[in-house]
PDB file of N, CA and C in Angstrom:
ATOM      1  N   MET A   1       0.839  -1.196   0.000  1.00  0.00           N
ATOM      2  CA  MET A   1       0.000   0.000   0.000  1.00  0.00           C
ATOM      3  C   MET A   1       0.875   1.247   0.000  1.00  0.00           C
ATOM      4  N   THR A   2       0.426   2.224  -0.712  1.00  0.00           N
ATOM      5  CA  THR A   2       1.133   3.502  -0.694  1.00  0.00           C
ATOM      6  C   THR A   2       0.787   4.243   0.605  1.00  0.00           C
ATOM      7  N   LYS A   3       1.535   5.294   0.875  1.00  0.00           N
ATOM      8  CA  LYS A   3       1.268   6.107   2.060  1.00  0.00           C
ATOM      9  C   LYS A   3      -0.153   6.664   2.025  1.00  0.00           C
ATOM     10  N   ASP A   4      -0.577   7.168   0.882  1.00  0.00           N
ATOM     11  CA  ASP A   4      -1.930   7.726   0.744  1.00  0.00           C
ATOM     12  C   ASP A   4      -3.004   6.657   0.943  1.00  0.00           C
ATOM     13  N   GLU A   5      -2.766   5.468   0.425  1.00  0.00           N
ATOM     14  CA  GLU A   5      -3.716   4.366   0.607  1.00  0.00           C
ATOM     15  C   GLU A   5      -3.833   3.972   2.080  1.00  0.00           C
ATOM     16  N   LYS A   6      -2.699   3.965   2.777  1.00  0.00           N
ATOM     17  CA  LYS A   6      -2.705   3.651   4.210  1.00  0.00           C
ATOM     18  C   LYS A   6      -3.504   4.693   4.984  1.00  0.00           C
ATOM     19  N   ILE A   7      -3.276   5.949   4.667  1.00  0.00           N
ATOM     20  CA  ILE A   7      -3.995   7.036   5.348  1.00  0.00           C
ATOM     21  C   ILE A   7      -5.494   6.923   5.091  1.00  0.00           C
ATOM     22  N   LYS A   8      -5.868   6.691   3.838  1.00  0.00           N
ATOM     23  CA  LYS A   8      -7.288   6.559   3.500  1.00  0.00           C
ATOM     24  C   LYS A   8      -7.915   5.374   4.236  1.00  0.00           C
ATOM     25  N   PHE A   9      -7.221   4.253   4.275  1.00  0.00           N
ATOM     26  CA  PHE A   9      -7.723   3.071   4.974  1.00  0.00           C
ATOM     27  C   PHE A   9      -7.920   3.351   6.462  1.00  0.00           C
ATOM     28  N   ILE A  10      -6.925   3.973   7.098  1.00  0.00           N
ATOM     29  CA  ILE A  10      -7.001   4.281   8.531  1.00  0.00           C
ATOM     30  C   ILE A  10      -8.149   5.237   8.820  1.00  0.00           C
ATOM     31  N   VAL A  11      -8.300   6.269   8.014  1.00  0.00           N
ATOM     32  CA  VAL A  11      -9.381   7.240   8.201  1.00  0.00           C
ATOM     33  C   VAL A  11     -10.736   6.554   8.067  1.00  0.00           C
ATOM     34  N   ASN A  12     -10.910   5.736   7.034  1.00  0.00           N
ATOM     35  CA  ASN A  12     -12.178   5.034   6.833  1.00  0.00           C
ATOM     36  C   ASN A  12     -12.480   4.072   7.974  1.00  0.00           C
ATOM     37  N   LEU A  13     -11.476   3.329   8.410  1.00  0.00           N
ATOM     38  CA  LEU A  13     -11.662   2.375   9.505  1.00  0.00           C
ATOM     39  C   LEU A  13     -12.040   3.095  10.804  1.00  0.00           C
ATOM     40  N   CYS A  14     -11.343   4.176  11.105  1.00  0.00           N
ATOM     41  CA  CYS A  14     -11.645   4.942  12.317  1.00  0.00           C
ATOM     42  C   CYS A  14     -13.014   5.609  12.237  1.00  0.00           C
ATOM     43  N   ASP A  15     -13.377   6.104  11.070  1.00  0.00           N
ATOM     44  CA  ASP A  15     -14.706   6.694  10.893  1.00  0.00           C
ATOM     45  C   ASP A  15     -15.801   5.652  11.125  1.00  0.00           C
ATOM     46  N   ASN A  16     -15.606   4.449  10.589  1.00  0.00           N
ATOM     47  CA  ASN A  16     -16.588   3.381  10.794  1.00  0.00           C
ATOM     48  C   ASN A  16     -16.715   3.010  12.270  1.00  0.00           C
ATOM     49  N   LEU A  17     -15.577   2.946  12.963  1.00  0.00           N
ATOM     50  CA  LEU A  17     -15.595   2.639  14.388  1.00  0.00           C
ATOM     51  C   LEU A  17     -16.312   3.747  15.157  1.00  0.00           C
ATOM     52  N   LYS A  18     -15.997   4.982  14.847  1.00  0.00           N
ATOM     53  CA  LYS A  18     -16.613   6.126  15.518  1.00  0.00           C
ATOM     54  C   LYS A  18     -18.132   6.131  15.314  1.00  0.00           C
ATOM     55  N   ILE A  19     -18.561   5.922  14.095  1.00  0.00           N
ATOM     56  CA  ILE A  19     -19.997   5.906  13.796  1.00  0.00           C
ATOM     57  C   ILE A  19     -20.694   4.773  14.539  1.00  0.00           C
ATOM     58  N   SER A  20     -20.074   3.613  14.560  1.00  0.00           N
ATOM     59  CA  SER A  20     -20.649   2.462  15.247  1.00  0.00           C
ATOM     60  C   SER A  20     -20.811   2.733  16.747  1.00  0.00           C
ATOM     61  N   LEU A  21     -19.814   3.343  17.347  1.00  0.00           N
ATOM     62  CA  LEU A  21     -19.871   3.657  18.785  1.00  0.00           C
ATOM     63  C   LEU A  21     -20.932   4.720  19.069  1.00  0.00           C
ATOM     64  N   ILE A  22     -20.922   5.776  18.293  1.00  0.00           N
ATOM     65  CA  ILE A  22     -21.864   6.876  18.517  1.00  0.00           C
ATOM     66  C   ILE A  22     -23.306   6.430  18.306  1.00  0.00           C
ATOM     67  N   ASN A  23     -23.534   5.542  17.341  1.00  0.00           N
ATOM     68  CA  ASN A  23     -24.886   5.049  17.086  1.00  0.00           C
ATOM     69  C   ASN A  23     -25.463   4.257  18.264  1.00  0.00           C
ATOM     70  N   ASN A  24     -24.605   3.766  19.140  1.00  0.00           N
ATOM     71  CA  ASN A  24     -25.069   2.970  20.274  1.00  0.00           C
ATOM     72  C   ASN A  24     -25.092   3.725  21.599  1.00  0.00           C
ATOM     73  N   VAL A  25     -24.762   5.002  21.584  1.00  0.00           N
ATOM     74  CA  VAL A  25     -24.733   5.786  22.820  1.00  0.00           C
ATOM     75  C   VAL A  25     -26.095   5.782  23.519  1.00  0.00           C
ATOM     76  N   ASP A  26     -27.173   5.872  22.750  1.00  0.00           N
ATOM     77  CA  ASP A  26     -28.515   5.929  23.350  1.00  0.00           C
ATOM     78  C   ASP A  26     -28.896   4.671  24.123  1.00  0.00           C
ATOM     79  N   ILE A  27     -28.303   3.540  23.779  1.00  0.00           N
ATOM     80  CA  ILE A  27     -28.666   2.301  24.483  1.00  0.00           C
ATOM     81  C   ILE A  27     -27.626   1.875  25.528  1.00  0.00           C
ATOM     82  N   MET A  28     -26.596   2.693  25.699  1.00  0.00           N
ATOM     83  CA  MET A  28     -25.587   2.401  26.725  1.00  0.00           C
ATOM     84  C   MET A  28     -26.138   2.758  28.101  1.00  0.00           C
ATOM     85  N   PRO A  29     -25.795   1.962  29.106  1.00  0.00           N
ATOM     86  CA  PRO A  29     -26.232   2.282  30.469  1.00  0.00           C
ATOM     87  C   PRO A  29     -25.701   3.644  30.920  1.00  0.00           C
ATOM     88  N   GLU A  30     -26.513   4.348  31.697  1.00  0.00           N
ATOM     89  CA  GLU A  30     -26.124   5.675  32.201  1.00  0.00           C
ATOM     90  C   GLU A  30     -24.859   5.626  33.056  1.00  0.00           C
ATOM     91  N   ASP A  31     -24.651   4.523  33.764  1.00  0.00           N
ATOM     92  CA  ASP A  31     -23.531   4.462  34.705  1.00  0.00           C
ATOM     93  C   ASP A  31     -22.205   4.065  34.058  1.00  0.00           C
ATOM     94  N   TRP A  32     -22.189   3.855  32.741  1.00  0.00           N
ATOM     95  CA  TRP A  32     -20.918   3.579  32.086  1.00  0.00           C
ATOM     96  C   TRP A  32     -20.053   4.828  32.128  1.00  0.00           C
ATOM     97  N   ASP A  33     -18.788   4.636  32.506  1.00  0.00           N
ATOM     98  CA  ASP A  33     -17.841   5.743  32.482  1.00  0.00           C
ATOM     99  C   ASP A  33     -16.689   5.379  31.543  1.00  0.00           C
ATOM    100  N   GLU A  34     -15.547   6.003  31.727  1.00  0.00           N
ATOM    101  CA  GLU A  34     -14.426   5.798  30.823  1.00  0.00           C
ATOM    102  C   GLU A  34     -13.986   4.340  30.726  1.00  0.00           C
ATOM    103  N   MET A  35     -14.039   3.621  31.828  1.00  0.00           N
ATOM    104  CA  MET A  35     -13.588   2.222  31.828  1.00  0.00           C
ATOM    105  C   MET A  35     -14.441   1.372  30.891  1.00  0.00           C
ATOM    106  N   GLU A  36     -15.753   1.458  31.026  1.00  0.00           N
ATOM    107  CA  GLU A  36     -16.648   0.672  30.178  1.00  0.00           C
ATOM    108  C   GLU A  36     -16.575   1.125  28.718  1.00  0.00           C
ATOM    109  N   LEU A  37     -16.460   2.433  28.528  1.00  0.00           N
ATOM    110  CA  LEU A  37     -16.383   2.944  27.154  1.00  0.00           C
ATOM    111  C   LEU A  37     -15.096   2.495  26.463  1.00  0.00           C
ATOM    112  N   ARG A  38     -14.003   2.487  27.201  1.00  0.00           N
ATOM    113  CA  ARG A  38     -12.739   1.992  26.626  1.00  0.00           C
ATOM    114  C   ARG A  38     -12.838   0.501  26.293  1.00  0.00           C
ATOM    115  N   GLN A  39     -13.451  -0.245  27.193  1.00  0.00           N
ATOM    116  CA  GLN A  39     -13.620  -1.676  26.962  1.00  0.00           C
ATOM    117  C   GLN A  39     -14.501  -1.920  25.744  1.00  0.00           C
ATOM    118  N   TYR A  40     -15.584  -1.143  25.628  1.00  0.00           N
ATOM    119  CA  TYR A  40     -16.502  -1.263  24.493  1.00  0.00           C
ATOM    120  C   TYR A  40     -15.809  -0.880  23.190  1.00  0.00           C
ATOM    121  N   LEU A  41     -14.996   0.176  23.234  1.00  0.00           N
ATOM    122  CA  LEU A  41     -14.247   0.598  22.055  1.00  0.00           C
ATOM    123  C   LEU A  41     -13.298  -0.521  21.609  1.00  0.00           C
ATOM    124  N   GLU A  42     -12.621  -1.134  22.567  1.00  0.00           N
ATOM    125  CA  GLU A  42     -11.712  -2.234  22.232  1.00  0.00           C
ATOM    126  C   GLU A  42     -12.479  -3.401  21.606  1.00  0.00           C
ATOM    127  N   TYR A  43     -13.632  -3.736  22.178  1.00  0.00           N
ATOM    128  CA  TYR A  43     -14.469  -4.823  21.677  1.00  0.00           C
ATOM    129  C   TYR A  43     -14.904  -4.553  20.233  1.00  0.00           C
ATOM    130  N   LYS A  44     -15.387  -3.334  19.975  1.00  0.00           N
ATOM    131  CA  LYS A  44     -15.849  -2.989  18.630  1.00  0.00           C
ATOM    132  C   LYS A  44     -14.674  -2.950  17.636  1.00  0.00           C
ATOM    133  N   ALA A  45     -13.519  -2.470  18.086  1.00  0.00           N
ATOM    134  CA  ALA A  45     -12.351  -2.416  17.205  1.00  0.00           C
ATOM    135  C   ALA A  45     -11.907  -3.822  16.818  1.00  0.00           C
ATOM    136  N   LYS A  46     -11.943  -4.744  17.753  1.00  0.00           N
ATOM    137  CA  LYS A  46     -11.559  -6.127  17.455  1.00  0.00           C
ATOM    138  C   LYS A  46     -12.498  -6.746  16.420  1.00  0.00           C
ATOM    139  N   LYS A  47     -13.771  -6.374  16.461  1.00  0.00           N
ATOM    140  CA  LYS A  47     -14.735  -6.918  15.501  1.00  0.00           C
ATOM    141  C   LYS A  47     -14.501  -6.386  14.090  1.00  0.00           C
ATOM    142  N   LEU A  48     -13.765  -5.292  13.965  1.00  0.00           N
ATOM    143  CA  LEU A  48     -13.462  -4.735  12.650  1.00  0.00           C
ATOM    144  C   LEU A  48     -12.356  -5.508  11.940  1.00  0.00           C
ATOM    145  N   ASN A  49     -11.698  -6.408  12.642  1.00  0.00           N
ATOM    146  CA  ASN A  49     -10.609  -7.188  12.052  1.00  0.00           C
ATOM    147  C   ASN A  49     -10.978  -8.668  12.028  1.00  0.00           C
ATOM    148  N   PRO A  50     -11.724  -9.091  11.006  1.00  0.00           N
ATOM    149  CA  PRO A  50     -12.156 -10.484  10.956  1.00  0.00           C
ATOM    150  C   PRO A  50     -11.069 -11.445  10.473  1.00  0.00           C
ATOM    151  N   PHE A  51      -9.931 -10.912  10.061  1.00  0.00           N
ATOM    152  CA  PHE A  51      -8.877 -11.747   9.504  1.00  0.00           C
ATOM    153  C   PHE A  51      -7.825 -12.073  10.552  1.00  0.00           C
ATOM    154  N   LYS A  52      -7.271 -13.256  10.452  1.00  0.00           N
ATOM    155  CA  LYS A  52      -6.174 -13.649  11.331  1.00  0.00           C
ATOM    156  C   LYS A  52      -4.902 -13.693  10.505  1.00  0.00           C
ATOM    157  N   MET A  53      -3.838 -13.130  11.062  1.00  0.00           N
ATOM    158  CA  MET A  53      -2.541 -13.192  10.394  1.00  0.00           C
ATOM    159  C   MET A  53      -1.949 -14.577  10.619  1.00  0.00           C
ATOM    160  N   THR A  54      -1.091 -14.975   9.706  1.00  0.00           N
ATOM    161  CA  THR A  54      -0.338 -16.203   9.941  1.00  0.00           C
ATOM    162  C   THR A  54       0.599 -15.946  11.124  1.00  0.00           C
ATOM    163  N   ARG A  55       1.056 -17.006  11.739  1.00  0.00           N
ATOM    164  CA  ARG A  55       1.944 -16.877  12.895  1.00  0.00           C
ATOM    165  C   ARG A  55       3.201 -16.079  12.536  1.00  0.00           C
ATOM    166  N   THR A  56       3.784 -16.390  11.389  1.00  0.00           N
ATOM    167  CA  THR A  56       5.005 -15.701  10.962  1.00  0.00           C
ATOM    168  C   THR A  56       4.737 -14.217  10.715  1.00  0.00           C
ATOM    169  N   ARG A  57       3.636 -13.929  10.054  1.00  0.00           N
ATOM    170  CA  ARG A  57       3.306 -12.530   9.772  1.00  0.00           C
ATOM    171  C   ARG A  57       3.055 -11.766  11.066  1.00  0.00           C
ATOM    172  N   MET A  58       2.406 -12.402  12.039  1.00  0.00           N
ATOM    173  CA  MET A  58       2.158 -11.759  13.342  1.00  0.00           C
ATOM    174  C   MET A  58       3.465 -11.501  14.069  1.00  0.00           C
ATOM    175  N   TRP A  59       4.380 -12.450  14.054  1.00  0.00           N
ATOM    176  CA  TRP A  59       5.685 -12.246  14.692  1.00  0.00           C
ATOM    177  C   TRP A  59       6.412 -11.068  14.056  1.00  0.00           C
ATOM    178  N   ASN A  60       6.418 -11.035  12.727  1.00  0.00           N
ATOM    179  CA  ASN A  60       7.084  -9.929  12.030  1.00  0.00           C
ATOM    180  C   ASN A  60       6.439  -8.591  12.387  1.00  0.00           C
ATOM    181  N   TYR A  61       5.123  -8.578  12.435  1.00  0.00           N
ATOM    182  CA  TYR A  61       4.380  -7.366  12.801  1.00  0.00           C
ATOM    183  C   TYR A  61       4.753  -6.917  14.217  1.00  0.00           C
ATOM    184  N   LYS A  62       4.700  -7.831  15.173  1.00  0.00           N
ATOM    185  CA  LYS A  62       5.007  -7.486  16.567  1.00  0.00           C
ATOM    186  C   LYS A  62       6.450  -7.028  16.720  1.00  0.00           C
ATOM    187  N   ASP A  63       7.364  -7.681  16.035  1.00  0.00           N
ATOM    188  CA  ASP A  63       8.771  -7.271  16.084  1.00  0.00           C
ATOM    189  C   ASP A  63       8.948  -5.850  15.567  1.00  0.00           C
ATOM    190  N   TYR A  64       8.281  -5.523  14.466  1.00  0.00           N
ATOM    191  CA  TYR A  64       8.394  -4.186  13.892  1.00  0.00           C
ATOM    192  C   TYR A  64       7.807  -3.129  14.809  1.00  0.00           C
ATOM    193  N   VAL A  65       6.624  -3.400  15.355  1.00  0.00           N
ATOM    194  CA  VAL A  65       5.971  -2.446  16.258  1.00  0.00           C
ATOM    195  C   VAL A  65       6.851  -2.194  17.487  1.00  0.00           C
ATOM    196  N   GLU A  66       7.423  -3.261  18.021  1.00  0.00           N
ATOM    197  CA  GLU A  66       8.292  -3.123  19.204  1.00  0.00           C
ATOM    198  C   GLU A  66       9.587  -2.387  18.846  1.00  0.00           C
ATOM    199  N   LYS A  67      10.171  -2.740  17.720  1.00  0.00           N
ATOM    200  CA  LYS A  67      11.436  -2.123  17.303  1.00  0.00           C
ATOM    201  C   LYS A  67      11.318  -0.621  17.129  1.00  0.00           C
ATOM    202  N   TYR A  68      10.200  -0.176  16.537  1.00  0.00           N
ATOM    203  CA  TYR A  68      10.013   1.245  16.253  1.00  0.00           C
ATOM    204  C   TYR A  68       9.120   1.955  17.271  1.00  0.00           C
ATOM    205  N   LYS A  69       8.834   1.264  18.369  1.00  0.00           N
ATOM    206  CA  LYS A  69       8.060   1.858  19.489  1.00  0.00           C
ATOM    207  C   LYS A  69       6.764   2.498  19.000  1.00  0.00           C
ATOM    208  N   MET A  70       6.047   1.772  18.160  1.00  0.00           N
ATOM    209  CA  MET A  70       4.811   2.311  17.576  1.00  0.00           C
ATOM    210  C   MET A  70       3.668   2.216  18.558  1.00  0.00           C
TER     211      MET A  70
END
């Protein structure tokens, strides 16, 4: 992917996550605070990635993220 393609993908993915979260605000319990909202955000973000990387690809990914402190 080019840099522009990566940016477009990230923006679209984040917009979809944001819309999904905001659309459910009305049905969220009143007593939810930052902890529950963060947990819910993590849950919804995980659902946006239906694909599993191969073990080797995941290792390479984790090594790169750790190496460059991303």
